[in-house]
Protein backbone atom coordinates (compact mmCIF):
# COMPACT_ATOMS: atom_id res chain seq x y z
CA MET A 1 -17.20 0.66 1.28
CA PRO A 2 -15.73 -2.43 -1.13
CA SER A 3 -15.08 -2.28 -4.42
CA THR A 4 -17.60 -4.14 -6.58
CA PHE A 5 -17.46 -5.42 -10.35
CA GLU A 6 -20.05 -7.49 -12.13
CA THR A 7 -19.40 -10.71 -14.25
CA GLN A 8 -21.42 -12.86 -16.27
CA LEU A 9 -22.33 -15.02 -12.84
CA GLY A 10 -22.92 -12.13 -10.64
CA LYS A 11 -21.39 -9.20 -8.73
CA VAL A 12 -17.84 -9.40 -6.78
CA PHE A 13 -17.23 -7.45 -3.96
CA ILE A 14 -13.68 -6.70 -2.72
CA ALA A 15 -13.22 -5.50 0.88
CA ASP A 16 -10.99 -2.15 1.00
CA GLU A 17 -8.92 -4.48 3.69
CA VAL A 18 -8.46 -7.03 0.98
CA ILE A 19 -6.88 -4.17 -1.40
CA ALA A 20 -4.80 -2.61 1.43
CA ASN A 21 -3.18 -6.18 2.36
CA ALA A 22 -2.27 -6.62 -1.81
CA ALA A 23 -1.15 -2.93 -2.09
CA GLY A 24 1.23 -3.54 0.96
CA ILE A 25 2.39 -6.77 0.05
CA ALA A 26 3.41 -5.47 -3.39
CA ALA A 27 4.89 -2.10 -1.85
CA LEU A 28 7.18 -4.37 0.56
CA ASP A 29 8.78 -5.76 -2.57
CA CYS A 30 9.95 -2.31 -3.93
CA TYR A 31 13.53 -1.49 -3.98
CA GLY A 32 14.43 1.47 -1.59
CA LEU A 33 11.38 0.73 0.45
CA ALA A 34 12.48 0.15 4.05
CA ASP A 35 9.27 -0.41 5.78
CA MET A 36 5.93 1.10 5.74
CA ALA A 37 4.72 3.58 8.30
CA PRO A 38 1.98 3.25 10.50
CA ARG A 39 -0.91 5.27 9.50
CA LYS A 40 -3.48 7.55 11.66
CA GLY A 41 -5.68 4.09 11.93
CA MET A 42 -6.24 2.17 15.06
CA ARG A 43 -5.57 -1.18 13.30
CA ASP A 44 -1.87 -0.33 12.52
CA SER A 45 -1.54 0.92 16.27
CA LEU A 46 -2.88 -2.05 17.70
CA SER A 47 -1.00 -4.40 15.36
CA GLY A 48 2.50 -2.69 16.34
CA LEU A 49 1.44 -3.03 20.05
CA LEU A 50 0.91 -6.76 19.50
CA ASN A 51 3.78 -7.11 17.29
CA ARG A 52 1.61 -8.71 14.69
CA GLU A 53 2.44 -8.62 10.76
CA TYR A 54 -0.27 -6.55 9.11
CA PRO A 55 0.28 -6.33 5.17
CA GLY A 56 -1.98 -3.45 4.97
CA ARG A 57 0.04 -1.14 7.29
CA GLY A 58 0.54 2.11 5.83
CA VAL A 59 -2.16 1.65 3.58
CA GLU A 60 -5.39 3.57 3.33
CA VAL A 61 -7.91 2.55 0.56
CA ARG A 62 -10.77 5.35 -0.38
CA ASN A 63 -13.50 4.68 -2.91
CA ARG A 64 -14.70 7.88 -4.18
CA SER A 65 -17.12 8.99 -7.07
CA ASP A 66 -14.03 9.44 -9.54
CA GLY A 67 -12.68 6.24 -8.63
CA LEU A 68 -10.33 4.38 -6.34
CA GLU A 69 -7.58 6.08 -3.95
CA ILE A 70 -4.72 4.56 -2.37
CA GLU A 71 -2.67 6.32 0.19
CA LEU A 72 0.82 4.87 1.10
CA SER A 73 2.89 5.80 4.06
CA ILE A 74 6.37 4.74 3.66
CA ILE A 75 9.71 4.96 5.05
CA VAL A 76 12.46 5.07 2.66
CA SER A 77 16.27 3.50 2.90
CA TYR A 78 18.77 6.23 3.55
CA GLY A 79 20.78 6.75 0.29
CA THR A 80 18.11 6.05 -2.34
CA ARG A 81 16.35 8.65 -4.48
CA ILE A 82 13.04 9.30 -3.29
CA PRO A 83 11.49 10.41 -6.32
CA GLU A 84 12.72 6.96 -8.27
CA VAL A 85 11.35 4.83 -5.04
CA ALA A 86 8.00 6.59 -5.21
CA GLU A 87 7.44 6.13 -9.04
CA ASN A 88 8.36 2.47 -8.71
CA LEU A 89 6.06 1.87 -5.93
CA ARG A 90 3.41 3.53 -7.46
CA GLU A 91 3.77 1.55 -10.48
CA LYS A 92 4.10 -2.01 -8.61
CA VAL A 93 0.96 -1.13 -6.79
CA ARG A 94 -0.96 0.05 -9.86
CA TYR A 95 0.18 -3.15 -11.85
CA THR A 96 -0.63 -5.65 -8.64
CA LEU A 97 -4.08 -4.12 -8.31
CA GLU A 98 -4.79 -4.50 -12.11
CA GLU A 99 -3.33 -7.95 -12.40
CA THR A 100 -4.78 -9.24 -9.22
CA PHE A 101 -8.23 -7.61 -8.91
CA GLY A 102 -8.78 -6.35 -12.41
CA ILE A 103 -9.34 -2.80 -10.55
CA GLN A 104 -7.54 0.64 -11.42
CA ALA A 105 -6.33 3.03 -8.95
CA GLU A 106 -7.08 6.66 -10.25
CA ARG A 107 -4.71 7.94 -7.60
CA ILE A 108 -1.97 6.52 -5.63
CA ASN A 109 -0.53 8.89 -2.88
CA ILE A 110 2.77 8.23 -1.46
CA HIS A 111 3.75 10.02 2.07
CA VAL A 112 7.30 9.56 2.97
CA GLN A 113 7.14 9.51 6.68
CA GLY A 114 10.79 8.82 7.24
CA VAL A 115 14.22 7.61 6.42
CA LYS A 116 15.63 4.45 7.78
CA VAL A 117 19.66 3.88 8.06
CA ALA A 118 20.97 0.42 7.50
CA LYS A 119 22.88 -1.00 10.44
CA PRO A 120 26.63 -1.71 9.76
CA GLN A 121 27.16 -5.37 9.58
CA GLY A 122 29.88 -7.17 11.44
């Protein structure tokens, strides 16, 4: 169900996929985040099989009666402090949604699905 808000000129509908893409792009910009983990949805599985980039991978958007809820499935970089990564990620996504769409997420839940070790260079 799309997010809706009203302006002087009419209603604006924002699809959940658009919100997921924006949240995913914002998340990938955070320090300590290695990648987004595929969620259980079919779209993430198909995009992985086709080797296509999907910015909303690992992001699920739910419109609830009490507000917008975002679920992020992530893979963190080895050696980073997970609570700090999660808090930075939460704030970055919240800020991006407010600045880009003018909407507030009531809840941003983060699920750490794995840890990625960087390959040694050389």
